[in-house]
Amino acid sequence: MTYLLVQYGVPADVNAFNRYYHETHVPLAKALPGLREFTVSDGLVNPLAGTAPHLIAQLSFDSPEAVEAALASPEGQATVADLPNFVTGGVSIMVYTARLA
């Protein structure tokens, strides 16, 4: 399984961020082709070290190629283009493949 992990920094206006994220951005992301599962942190993110992000989203796909295809699609381009509309605290986006250890 391959994951797209998105960490959103603390926004300037938490309520505006949360409203826009859940009402506008999540539906865009859920339309990504090949998306298997979409999870979002619920409540505060408690770091063991460093600074906590405001919110973490994890999107799962079958492979790295599926992530690339999703992001290259019109839905992916729309999702990425939407980020500046609500992200004021920075964002980190990572892709990784996981296996059972």
PDB file of N, CA and C in Angstrom:
ATOM      1  N   MET A   1       0.848  -1.167   0.000  1.00  0.00           N
ATOM      2  CA  MET A   1       0.000   0.000   0.000  1.00  0.00           C
ATOM      3  C   MET A   1       0.896   1.234   0.000  1.00  0.00           C
ATOM      4  N   THR A   2       0.484   2.252  -0.726  1.00  0.00           N
ATOM      5  CA  THR A   2       1.215   3.515  -0.785  1.00  0.00           C
ATOM      6  C   THR A   2       0.333   4.615  -0.224  1.00  0.00           C
ATOM      7  N   TYR A   3       0.945   5.485   0.547  1.00  0.00           N
ATOM      8  CA  TYR A   3       0.200   6.524   1.243  1.00  0.00           C
ATOM      9  C   TYR A   3       0.660   7.913   0.832  1.00  0.00           C
ATOM     10  N   LEU A   4      -0.293   8.806   0.776  1.00  0.00           N
ATOM     11  CA  LEU A   4      -0.040  10.229   0.613  1.00  0.00           C
ATOM     12  C   LEU A   4      -0.385  10.836   1.967  1.00  0.00           C
ATOM     13  N   LEU A   5       0.615  11.360   2.654  1.00  0.00           N
ATOM     14  CA  LEU A   5       0.435  11.919   3.993  1.00  0.00           C
ATOM     15  C   LEU A   5       0.549  13.429   3.898  1.00  0.00           C
ATOM     16  N   VAL A   6      -0.470  14.134   4.392  1.00  0.00           N
ATOM     17  CA  VAL A   6      -0.497  15.591   4.328  1.00  0.00           C
ATOM     18  C   VAL A   6      -0.595  16.127   5.750  1.00  0.00           C
ATOM     19  N   GLN A   7       0.348  16.975   6.121  1.00  0.00           N
ATOM     20  CA  GLN A   7       0.342  17.602   7.443  1.00  0.00           C
ATOM     21  C   GLN A   7       0.133  19.102   7.255  1.00  0.00           C
ATOM     22  N   TYR A   8      -0.939  19.610   7.840  1.00  0.00           N
ATOM     23  CA  TYR A   8      -1.278  21.023   7.743  1.00  0.00           C
ATOM     24  C   TYR A   8      -0.836  21.734   9.011  1.00  0.00           C
ATOM     25  N   GLY A   9      -0.049  22.793   8.845  1.00  0.00           N
ATOM     26  CA  GLY A   9       0.367  23.597   9.983  1.00  0.00           C
ATOM     27  C   GLY A   9      -0.808  24.355  10.581  1.00  0.00           C
ATOM     28  N   VAL A  10      -0.590  24.921  11.748  1.00  0.00           N
ATOM     29  CA  VAL A  10      -1.650  25.650  12.440  1.00  0.00           C
ATOM     30  C   VAL A  10      -2.033  26.877  11.611  1.00  0.00           C
ATOM     31  N   PRO A  11      -3.308  26.958  11.209  1.00  0.00           N
ATOM     32  CA  PRO A  11      -3.742  28.065  10.355  1.00  0.00           C
ATOM     33  C   PRO A  11      -3.962  29.356  11.132  1.00  0.00           C
ATOM     34  N   ALA A  12      -4.021  30.462  10.412  1.00  0.00           N
ATOM     35  CA  ALA A  12      -4.277  31.762  11.029  1.00  0.00           C
ATOM     36  C   ALA A  12      -5.670  31.792  11.651  1.00  0.00           C
ATOM     37  N   ASP A  13      -6.648  31.179  10.999  1.00  0.00           N
ATOM     38  CA  ASP A  13      -8.022  31.129  11.502  1.00  0.00           C
ATOM     39  C   ASP A  13      -8.466  29.667  11.503  1.00  0.00           C
ATOM     40  N   VAL A  14      -8.404  29.046  12.663  1.00  0.00           N
ATOM     41  CA  VAL A  14      -8.695  27.611  12.793  1.00  0.00           C
ATOM     42  C   VAL A  14     -10.106  27.279  12.327  1.00  0.00           C
ATOM     43  N   ASN A  15     -11.091  28.068  12.733  1.00  0.00           N
ATOM     44  CA  ASN A  15     -12.475  27.775  12.359  1.00  0.00           C
ATOM     45  C   ASN A  15     -12.694  27.876  10.862  1.00  0.00           C
ATOM     46  N   ALA A  16     -12.127  28.904  10.228  1.00  0.00           N
ATOM     47  CA  ALA A  16     -12.255  29.056   8.775  1.00  0.00           C
ATOM     48  C   ALA A  16     -11.567  27.895   8.060  1.00  0.00           C
ATOM     49  N   PHE A  17     -10.377  27.520   8.541  1.00  0.00           N
ATOM     50  CA  PHE A  17      -9.666  26.384   7.947  1.00  0.00           C
ATOM     51  C   PHE A  17     -10.508  25.119   8.036  1.00  0.00           C
ATOM     52  N   ASN A  18     -10.987  24.801   9.217  1.00  0.00           N
ATOM     53  CA  ASN A  18     -11.755  23.567   9.415  1.00  0.00           C
ATOM     54  C   ASN A  18     -12.998  23.526   8.540  1.00  0.00           C
ATOM     55  N   ARG A  19     -13.708  24.635   8.478  1.00  0.00           N
ATOM     56  CA  ARG A  19     -14.924  24.698   7.670  1.00  0.00           C
ATOM     57  C   ARG A  19     -14.592  24.463   6.187  1.00  0.00           C
ATOM     58  N   TYR A  20     -13.624  25.212   5.670  1.00  0.00           N
ATOM     59  CA  TYR A  20     -13.262  25.087   4.260  1.00  0.00           C
ATOM     60  C   TYR A  20     -12.716  23.688   3.965  1.00  0.00           C
ATOM     61  N   TYR A  21     -11.853  23.214   4.834  1.00  0.00           N
ATOM     62  CA  TYR A  21     -11.240  21.894   4.625  1.00  0.00           C
ATOM     63  C   TYR A  21     -12.307  20.813   4.490  1.00  0.00           C
ATOM     64  N   HIS A  22     -13.220  20.763   5.433  1.00  0.00           N
ATOM     65  CA  HIS A  22     -14.207  19.688   5.438  1.00  0.00           C
ATOM     66  C   HIS A  22     -15.310  19.874   4.396  1.00  0.00           C
ATOM     67  N   GLU A  23     -15.697  21.118   4.137  1.00  0.00           N
ATOM     68  CA  GLU A  23     -16.801  21.354   3.201  1.00  0.00           C
ATOM     69  C   GLU A  23     -16.361  21.416   1.745  1.00  0.00           C
ATOM     70  N   THR A  24     -15.136  21.861   1.485  1.00  0.00           N
ATOM     71  CA  THR A  24     -14.685  22.077   0.106  1.00  0.00           C
ATOM     72  C   THR A  24     -13.529  21.164  -0.299  1.00  0.00           C
ATOM     73  N   HIS A  25     -12.477  21.123   0.526  1.00  0.00           N
ATOM     74  CA  HIS A  25     -11.272  20.397   0.109  1.00  0.00           C
ATOM     75  C   HIS A  25     -11.432  18.879   0.183  1.00  0.00           C
ATOM     76  N   VAL A  26     -12.030  18.378   1.244  1.00  0.00           N
ATOM     77  CA  VAL A  26     -12.193  16.927   1.371  1.00  0.00           C
ATOM     78  C   VAL A  26     -12.981  16.337   0.199  1.00  0.00           C
ATOM     79  N   PRO A  27     -14.091  16.941  -0.220  1.00  0.00           N
ATOM     80  CA  PRO A  27     -14.785  16.372  -1.392  1.00  0.00           C
ATOM     81  C   PRO A  27     -13.917  16.343  -2.648  1.00  0.00           C
ATOM     82  N   LEU A  28     -13.056  17.339  -2.826  1.00  0.00           N
ATOM     83  CA  LEU A  28     -12.137  17.314  -3.970  1.00  0.00           C
ATOM     84  C   LEU A  28     -11.180  16.131  -3.858  1.00  0.00           C
ATOM     85  N   ALA A  29     -10.592  15.962  -2.678  1.00  0.00           N
ATOM     86  CA  ALA A  29      -9.621  14.886  -2.478  1.00  0.00           C
ATOM     87  C   ALA A  29     -10.269  13.509  -2.598  1.00  0.00           C
ATOM     88  N   LYS A  30     -11.493  13.381  -2.124  1.00  0.00           N
ATOM     89  CA  LYS A  30     -12.175  12.086  -2.201  1.00  0.00           C
ATOM     90  C   LYS A  30     -12.495  11.679  -3.634  1.00  0.00           C
ATOM     91  N   ALA A  31     -12.423  12.625  -4.568  1.00  0.00           N
ATOM     92  CA  ALA A  31     -12.683  12.324  -5.982  1.00  0.00           C
ATOM     93  C   ALA A  31     -11.438  11.840  -6.716  1.00  0.00           C
ATOM     94  N   LEU A  32     -10.291  11.767  -6.027  1.00  0.00           N
ATOM     95  CA  LEU A  32      -9.056  11.321  -6.689  1.00  0.00           C
ATOM     96  C   LEU A  32      -9.213   9.902  -7.213  1.00  0.00           C
ATOM     97  N   PRO A  33      -8.895   9.687  -8.474  1.00  0.00           N
ATOM     98  CA  PRO A  33      -8.993   8.325  -9.003  1.00  0.00           C
ATOM     99  C   PRO A  33      -7.996   7.398  -8.317  1.00  0.00           C
ATOM    100  N   GLY A  34      -8.433   6.199  -8.006  1.00  0.00           N
ATOM    101  CA  GLY A  34      -7.563   5.209  -7.382  1.00  0.00           C
ATOM    102  C   GLY A  34      -7.480   5.315  -5.876  1.00  0.00           C
ATOM    103  N   LEU A  35      -8.140   6.292  -5.280  1.00  0.00           N
ATOM    104  CA  LEU A  35      -8.114   6.451  -3.824  1.00  0.00           C
ATOM    105  C   LEU A  35      -8.796   5.258  -3.176  1.00  0.00           C
ATOM    106  N   ARG A  36      -8.118   4.626  -2.228  1.00  0.00           N
ATOM    107  CA  ARG A  36      -8.662   3.457  -1.526  1.00  0.00           C
ATOM    108  C   ARG A  36      -9.268   3.838  -0.181  1.00  0.00           C
ATOM    109  N   GLU A  37      -8.603   4.741   0.534  1.00  0.00           N
ATOM    110  CA  GLU A  37      -9.073   5.135   1.860  1.00  0.00           C
ATOM    111  C   GLU A  37      -8.583   6.544   2.157  1.00  0.00           C
ATOM    112  N   PHE A  38      -9.393   7.293   2.896  1.00  0.00           N
ATOM    113  CA  PHE A  38      -9.062   8.667   3.265  1.00  0.00           C
ATOM    114  C   PHE A  38      -9.339   8.803   4.758  1.00  0.00           C
ATOM    115  N   THR A  39      -8.309   9.096   5.543  1.00  0.00           N
ATOM    116  CA  THR A  39      -8.496   9.309   6.974  1.00  0.00           C
ATOM    117  C   THR A  39      -7.945  10.681   7.348  1.00  0.00           C
ATOM    118  N   VAL A  40      -8.572  11.279   8.366  1.00  0.00           N
ATOM    119  CA  VAL A  40      -8.175  12.599   8.844  1.00  0.00           C
ATOM    120  C   VAL A  40      -8.067  12.529  10.361  1.00  0.00           C
ATOM    121  N   SER A  41      -7.045  13.181  10.906  1.00  0.00           N
ATOM    122  CA  SER A  41      -6.909  13.214  12.355  1.00  0.00           C
ATOM    123  C   SER A  41      -8.156  13.839  12.964  1.00  0.00           C
ATOM    124  N   ASP A  42      -8.485  13.366  14.146  1.00  0.00           N
ATOM    125  CA  ASP A  42      -9.682  13.816  14.835  1.00  0.00           C
ATOM    126  C   ASP A  42      -9.259  14.416  16.169  1.00  0.00           C
ATOM    127  N   GLY A  43      -9.369  15.718  16.292  1.00  0.00           N
ATOM    128  CA  GLY A  43      -8.933  16.369  17.522  1.00  0.00           C
ATOM    129  C   GLY A  43      -7.482  16.801  17.434  1.00  0.00           C
ATOM    130  N   LEU A  44      -6.921  17.103  18.588  1.00  0.00           N
ATOM    131  CA  LEU A  44      -5.548  17.587  18.645  1.00  0.00           C
ATOM    132  C   LEU A  44      -4.560  16.509  18.241  1.00  0.00           C
ATOM    133  N   VAL A  45      -3.503  16.922  17.557  1.00  0.00           N
ATOM    134  CA  VAL A  45      -2.395  16.036  17.225  1.00  0.00           C
ATOM    135  C   VAL A  45      -1.339  16.262  18.297  1.00  0.00           C
ATOM    136  N   ASN A  46      -0.971  15.220  19.018  1.00  0.00           N
ATOM    137  CA  ASN A  46      -0.007  15.327  20.105  1.00  0.00           C
ATOM    138  C   ASN A  46       1.351  14.799  19.660  1.00  0.00           C
ATOM    139  N   PRO A  47       2.330  15.689  19.467  1.00  0.00           N
ATOM    140  CA  PRO A  47       3.644  15.230  19.017  1.00  0.00           C
ATOM    141  C   PRO A  47       4.449  14.617  20.157  1.00  0.00           C
ATOM    142  N   LEU A  48       5.231  13.612  19.843  1.00  0.00           N
ATOM    143  CA  LEU A  48       6.171  13.072  20.825  1.00  0.00           C
ATOM    144  C   LEU A  48       7.429  13.930  20.860  1.00  0.00           C
ATOM    145  N   ALA A  49       7.677  14.622  19.750  1.00  0.00           N
ATOM    146  CA  ALA A  49       8.793  15.560  19.658  1.00  0.00           C
ATOM    147  C   ALA A  49       8.454  16.560  18.561  1.00  0.00           C
ATOM    148  N   GLY A  50       9.009  17.742  18.652  1.00  0.00           N
ATOM    149  CA  GLY A  50       8.770  18.742  17.624  1.00  0.00           C
ATOM    150  C   GLY A  50       7.439  19.449  17.782  1.00  0.00           C
ATOM    151  N   THR A  51       7.032  20.118  16.733  1.00  0.00           N
ATOM    152  CA  THR A  51       5.812  20.917  16.726  1.00  0.00           C
ATOM    153  C   THR A  51       4.676  20.140  16.076  1.00  0.00           C
ATOM    154  N   ALA A  52       3.522  20.181  16.685  1.00  0.00           N
ATOM    155  CA  ALA A  52       2.368  19.448  16.165  1.00  0.00           C
ATOM    156  C   ALA A  52       1.729  20.186  14.993  1.00  0.00           C
ATOM    157  N   PRO A  53       1.345  19.457  13.961  1.00  0.00           N
ATOM    158  CA  PRO A  53       0.534  20.073  12.914  1.00  0.00           C
ATOM    159  C   PRO A  53      -0.899  20.253  13.436  1.00  0.00           C
ATOM    160  N   HIS A  54      -1.656  21.041  12.735  1.00  0.00           N
ATOM    161  CA  HIS A  54      -3.065  21.231  13.093  1.00  0.00           C
ATOM    162  C   HIS A  54      -3.881  19.996  12.720  1.00  0.00           C
ATOM    163  N   LEU A  55      -3.587  19.432  11.565  1.00  0.00           N
ATOM    164  CA  LEU A  55      -4.380  18.321  11.045  1.00  0.00           C
ATOM    165  C   LEU A  55      -3.499  17.437  10.180  1.00  0.00           C
ATOM    166  N   ILE A  56      -3.773  16.138  10.194  1.00  0.00           N
ATOM    167  CA  ILE A  56      -3.058  15.179   9.343  1.00  0.00           C
ATOM    168  C   ILE A  56      -4.090  14.409   8.532  1.00  0.00           C
ATOM    169  N   ALA A  57      -3.843  14.297   7.248  1.00  0.00           N
ATOM    170  CA  ALA A  57      -4.690  13.488   6.377  1.00  0.00           C
ATOM    171  C   ALA A  57      -3.826  12.388   5.768  1.00  0.00           C
ATOM    172  N   GLN A  58      -4.372  11.189   5.692  1.00  0.00           N
ATOM    173  CA  GLN A  58      -3.664  10.068   5.074  1.00  0.00           C
ATOM    174  C   GLN A  58      -4.568   9.468   4.005  1.00  0.00           C
ATOM    175  N   LEU A  59      -4.073   9.443   2.781  1.00  0.00           N
ATOM    176  CA  LEU A  59      -4.811   8.891   1.652  1.00  0.00           C
ATOM    177  C   LEU A  59      -4.070   7.653   1.177  1.00  0.00           C
ATOM    178  N   SER A  60      -4.772   6.549   1.010  1.00  0.00           N
ATOM    179  CA  SER A  60      -4.103   5.314   0.606  1.00  0.00           C
ATOM    180  C   SER A  60      -4.443   4.954  -0.836  1.00  0.00           C
ATOM    181  N   PHE A  61      -3.419   4.413  -1.508  1.00  0.00           N
ATOM    182  CA  PHE A  61      -3.496   4.001  -2.905  1.00  0.00           C
ATOM    183  C   PHE A  61      -2.800   2.651  -3.051  1.00  0.00           C
ATOM    184  N   ASP A  62      -3.008   2.003  -4.173  1.00  0.00           N
ATOM    185  CA  ASP A  62      -2.412   0.685  -4.396  1.00  0.00           C
ATOM    186  C   ASP A  62      -0.905   0.724  -4.627  1.00  0.00           C
ATOM    187  N   SER A  63      -0.384   1.826  -5.177  1.00  0.00           N
ATOM    188  CA  SER A  63       1.028   1.864  -5.560  1.00  0.00           C
ATOM    189  C   SER A  63       1.489   3.309  -5.720  1.00  0.00           C
ATOM    190  N   PRO A  64       2.807   3.516  -5.801  1.00  0.00           N
ATOM    191  CA  PRO A  64       3.308   4.867  -6.086  1.00  0.00           C
ATOM    192  C   PRO A  64       2.797   5.378  -7.435  1.00  0.00           C
ATOM    193  N   GLU A  65       2.677   4.477  -8.387  1.00  0.00           N
ATOM    194  CA  GLU A  65       2.177   4.871  -9.709  1.00  0.00           C
ATOM    195  C   GLU A  65       0.731   5.347  -9.632  1.00  0.00           C
ATOM    196  N   ALA A  66      -0.049   4.733  -8.756  1.00  0.00           N
ATOM    197  CA  ALA A  66      -1.439   5.152  -8.575  1.00  0.00           C
ATOM    198  C   ALA A  66      -1.507   6.552  -7.974  1.00  0.00           C
ATOM    199  N   VAL A  67      -0.581   6.874  -7.066  1.00  0.00           N
ATOM    200  CA  VAL A  67      -0.530   8.224  -6.498  1.00  0.00           C
ATOM    201  C   VAL A  67      -0.170   9.223  -7.595  1.00  0.00           C
ATOM    202  N   GLU A  68       0.844   8.889  -8.383  1.00  0.00           N
ATOM    203  CA  GLU A  68       1.258   9.774  -9.476  1.00  0.00           C
ATOM    204  C   GLU A  68       0.113  10.011 -10.450  1.00  0.00           C
ATOM    205  N   ALA A  69      -0.594   8.955 -10.807  1.00  0.00           N
ATOM    206  CA  ALA A  69      -1.722   9.082 -11.735  1.00  0.00           C
ATOM    207  C   ALA A  69      -2.835   9.931 -11.129  1.00  0.00           C
ATOM    208  N   ALA A  70      -3.099   9.735  -9.849  1.00  0.00           N
ATOM    209  CA  ALA A  70      -4.149  10.507  -9.177  1.00  0.00           C
ATOM    210  C   ALA A  70      -3.801  11.991  -9.181  1.00  0.00           C
ATOM    211  N   LEU A  71      -2.558  12.320  -8.855  1.00  0.00           N
ATOM    212  CA  LEU A  71      -2.158  13.723  -8.801  1.00  0.00           C
ATOM    213  C   LEU A  71      -2.086  14.362 -10.182  1.00  0.00           C
ATOM    214  N   ALA A  72      -1.812  13.579 -11.206  1.00  0.00           N
ATOM    215  CA  ALA A  72      -1.748  14.092 -12.577  1.00  0.00           C
ATOM    216  C   ALA A  72      -3.134  14.253 -13.204  1.00  0.00           C
ATOM    217  N   SER A  73      -4.126  13.625 -12.621  1.00  0.00           N
ATOM    218  CA  SER A  73      -5.489  13.682 -13.169  1.00  0.00           C
ATOM    219  C   SER A  73      -6.081  15.083 -12.973  1.00  0.00           C
ATOM    220  N   PRO A  74      -7.154  15.406 -13.696  1.00  0.00           N
ATOM    221  CA  PRO A  74      -7.828  16.696 -13.472  1.00  0.00           C
ATOM    222  C   PRO A  74      -8.286  16.860 -12.019  1.00  0.00           C
ATOM    223  N   GLU A  75      -8.739  15.774 -11.391  1.00  0.00           N
ATOM    224  CA  GLU A  75      -9.157  15.832  -9.990  1.00  0.00           C
ATOM    225  C   GLU A  75      -7.967  16.135  -9.078  1.00  0.00           C
ATOM    226  N   GLY A  76      -6.833  15.524  -9.376  1.00  0.00           N
ATOM    227  CA  GLY A  76      -5.630  15.773  -8.595  1.00  0.00           C
ATOM    228  C   GLY A  76      -5.132  17.192  -8.758  1.00  0.00           C
ATOM    229  N   GLN A  77      -5.148  17.681  -9.980  1.00  0.00           N
ATOM    230  CA  GLN A  77      -4.714  19.052 -10.228  1.00  0.00           C
ATOM    231  C   GLN A  77      -5.630  20.046  -9.514  1.00  0.00           C
ATOM    232  N   ALA A  78      -6.939  19.775  -9.505  1.00  0.00           N
ATOM    233  CA  ALA A  78      -7.886  20.653  -8.810  1.00  0.00           C
ATOM    234  C   ALA A  78      -7.653  20.616  -7.301  1.00  0.00           C
ATOM    235  N   THR A  79      -7.344  19.436  -6.765  1.00  0.00           N
ATOM    236  CA  THR A  79      -7.109  19.300  -5.332  1.00  0.00           C
ATOM    237  C   THR A  79      -5.863  20.069  -4.914  1.00  0.00           C
ATOM    238  N   VAL A  80      -4.792  19.914  -5.658  1.00  0.00           N
ATOM    239  CA  VAL A  80      -3.548  20.622  -5.346  1.00  0.00           C
ATOM    240  C   VAL A  80      -3.730  22.132  -5.529  1.00  0.00           C
ATOM    241  N   ALA A  81      -4.420  22.536  -6.586  1.00  0.00           N
ATOM    242  CA  ALA A  81      -4.645  23.963  -6.847  1.00  0.00           C
ATOM    243  C   ALA A  81      -5.504  24.609  -5.763  1.00  0.00           C
ATOM    244  N   ASP A  82      -6.279  23.818  -5.035  1.00  0.00           N
ATOM    245  CA  ASP A  82      -7.143  24.349  -3.978  1.00  0.00           C
ATOM    246  C   ASP A  82      -6.371  24.703  -2.708  1.00  0.00           C
ATOM    247  N   LEU A  83      -5.186  24.149  -2.511  1.00  0.00           N
ATOM    248  CA  LEU A  83      -4.444  24.363  -1.264  1.00  0.00           C
ATOM    249  C   LEU A  83      -4.260  25.836  -0.898  1.00  0.00           C
ATOM    250  N   PRO A  84      -3.858  26.706  -1.830  1.00  0.00           N
ATOM    251  CA  PRO A  84      -3.672  28.113  -1.450  1.00  0.00           C
ATOM    252  C   PRO A  84      -4.968  28.812  -1.016  1.00  0.00           C
ATOM    253  N   ASN A  85      -6.111  28.205  -1.297  1.00  0.00           N
ATOM    254  CA  ASN A  85      -7.384  28.813  -0.923  1.00  0.00           C
ATOM    255  C   ASN A  85      -7.663  28.750   0.576  1.00  0.00           C
ATOM    256  N   PHE A  86      -6.943  27.890   1.304  1.00  0.00           N
ATOM    257  CA  PHE A  86      -7.232  27.761   2.733  1.00  0.00           C
ATOM    258  C   PHE A  86      -6.013  27.509   3.609  1.00  0.00           C
ATOM    259  N   VAL A  87      -4.894  27.128   3.040  1.00  0.00           N
ATOM    260  CA  VAL A  87      -3.704  26.811   3.834  1.00  0.00           C
ATOM    261  C   VAL A  87      -2.951  28.102   4.149  1.00  0.00           C
ATOM    262  N   THR A  88      -2.912  28.458   5.434  1.00  0.00           N
ATOM    263  CA  THR A  88      -2.167  29.641   5.868  1.00  0.00           C
ATOM    264  C   THR A  88      -1.048  29.289   6.840  1.00  0.00           C
ATOM    265  N   GLY A  89      -1.017  28.042   7.311  1.00  0.00           N
ATOM    266  CA  GLY A  89      -0.012  27.634   8.288  1.00  0.00           C
ATOM    267  C   GLY A  89       1.037  26.701   7.714  1.00  0.00           C
ATOM    268  N   GLY A  90       1.080  26.577   6.399  1.00  0.00           N
ATOM    269  CA  GLY A  90       2.028  25.689   5.751  1.00  0.00           C
ATOM    270  C   GLY A  90       1.474  24.285   5.621  1.00  0.00           C
ATOM    271  N   VAL A  91       2.062  23.534   4.701  1.00  0.00           N
ATOM    272  CA  VAL A  91       1.628  22.166   4.457  1.00  0.00           C
ATOM    273  C   VAL A  91       2.840  21.339   4.042  1.00  0.00           C
ATOM    274  N   SER A  92       2.902  20.107   4.527  1.00  0.00           N
ATOM    275  CA  SER A  92       3.931  19.139   4.115  1.00  0.00           C
ATOM    276  C   SER A  92       3.210  17.956   3.498  1.00  0.00           C
ATOM    277  N   ILE A  93       3.683  17.537   2.331  1.00  0.00           N
ATOM    278  CA  ILE A  93       3.057  16.423   1.625  1.00  0.00           C
ATOM    279  C   ILE A  93       4.131  15.381   1.352  1.00  0.00           C
ATOM    280  N   MET A  94       3.867  14.156   1.792  1.00  0.00           N
ATOM    281  CA  MET A  94       4.822  13.066   1.630  1.00  0.00           C
ATOM    282  C   MET A  94       4.136  11.854   1.012  1.00  0.00           C
ATOM    283  N   VAL A  95       4.878  11.100   0.242  1.00  0.00           N
ATOM    284  CA  VAL A  95       4.388   9.839  -0.312  1.00  0.00           C
ATOM    285  C   VAL A  95       5.322   8.747   0.165  1.00  0.00           C
ATOM    286  N   TYR A  96       4.739   7.653   0.664  1.00  0.00           N
ATOM    287  CA  TYR A  96       5.577   6.546   1.111  1.00  0.00           C
ATOM    288  C   TYR A  96       4.833   5.228   0.915  1.00  0.00           C
ATOM    289  N   THR A  97       5.598   4.183   0.761  1.00  0.00           N
ATOM    290  CA  THR A  97       5.054   2.834   0.664  1.00  0.00           C
ATOM    291  C   THR A  97       5.347   2.136   1.980  1.00  0.00           C
ATOM    292  N   ALA A  98       4.355   1.412   2.478  1.00  0.00           N
ATOM    293  CA  ALA A  98       4.488   0.746   3.779  1.00  0.00           C
ATOM    294  C   ALA A  98       4.307  -0.758   3.634  1.00  0.00           C
ATOM    295  N   ARG A  99       4.918  -1.463   4.550  1.00  0.00           N
ATOM    296  CA  ARG A  99       4.742  -2.909   4.641  1.00  0.00           C
ATOM    297  C   ARG A  99       4.738  -3.273   6.116  1.00  0.00           C
ATOM    298  N   LEU A 100       4.228  -4.408   6.420  1.00  0.00           N
ATOM    299  CA  LEU A 100       4.251  -4.870   7.804  1.00  0.00           C
ATOM    300  C   LEU A 100       5.680  -5.176   8.205  1.00  0.00           C
ATOM    301  N   ALA A 101       6.068  -4.751   9.361  1.00  0.00           N
ATOM    302  CA  ALA A 101       7.437  -4.966   9.824  1.00  0.00           C
ATOM    303  C   ALA A 101       7.524  -6.256  10.627  1.00  0.00           C
TER     304      ALA A 101
END
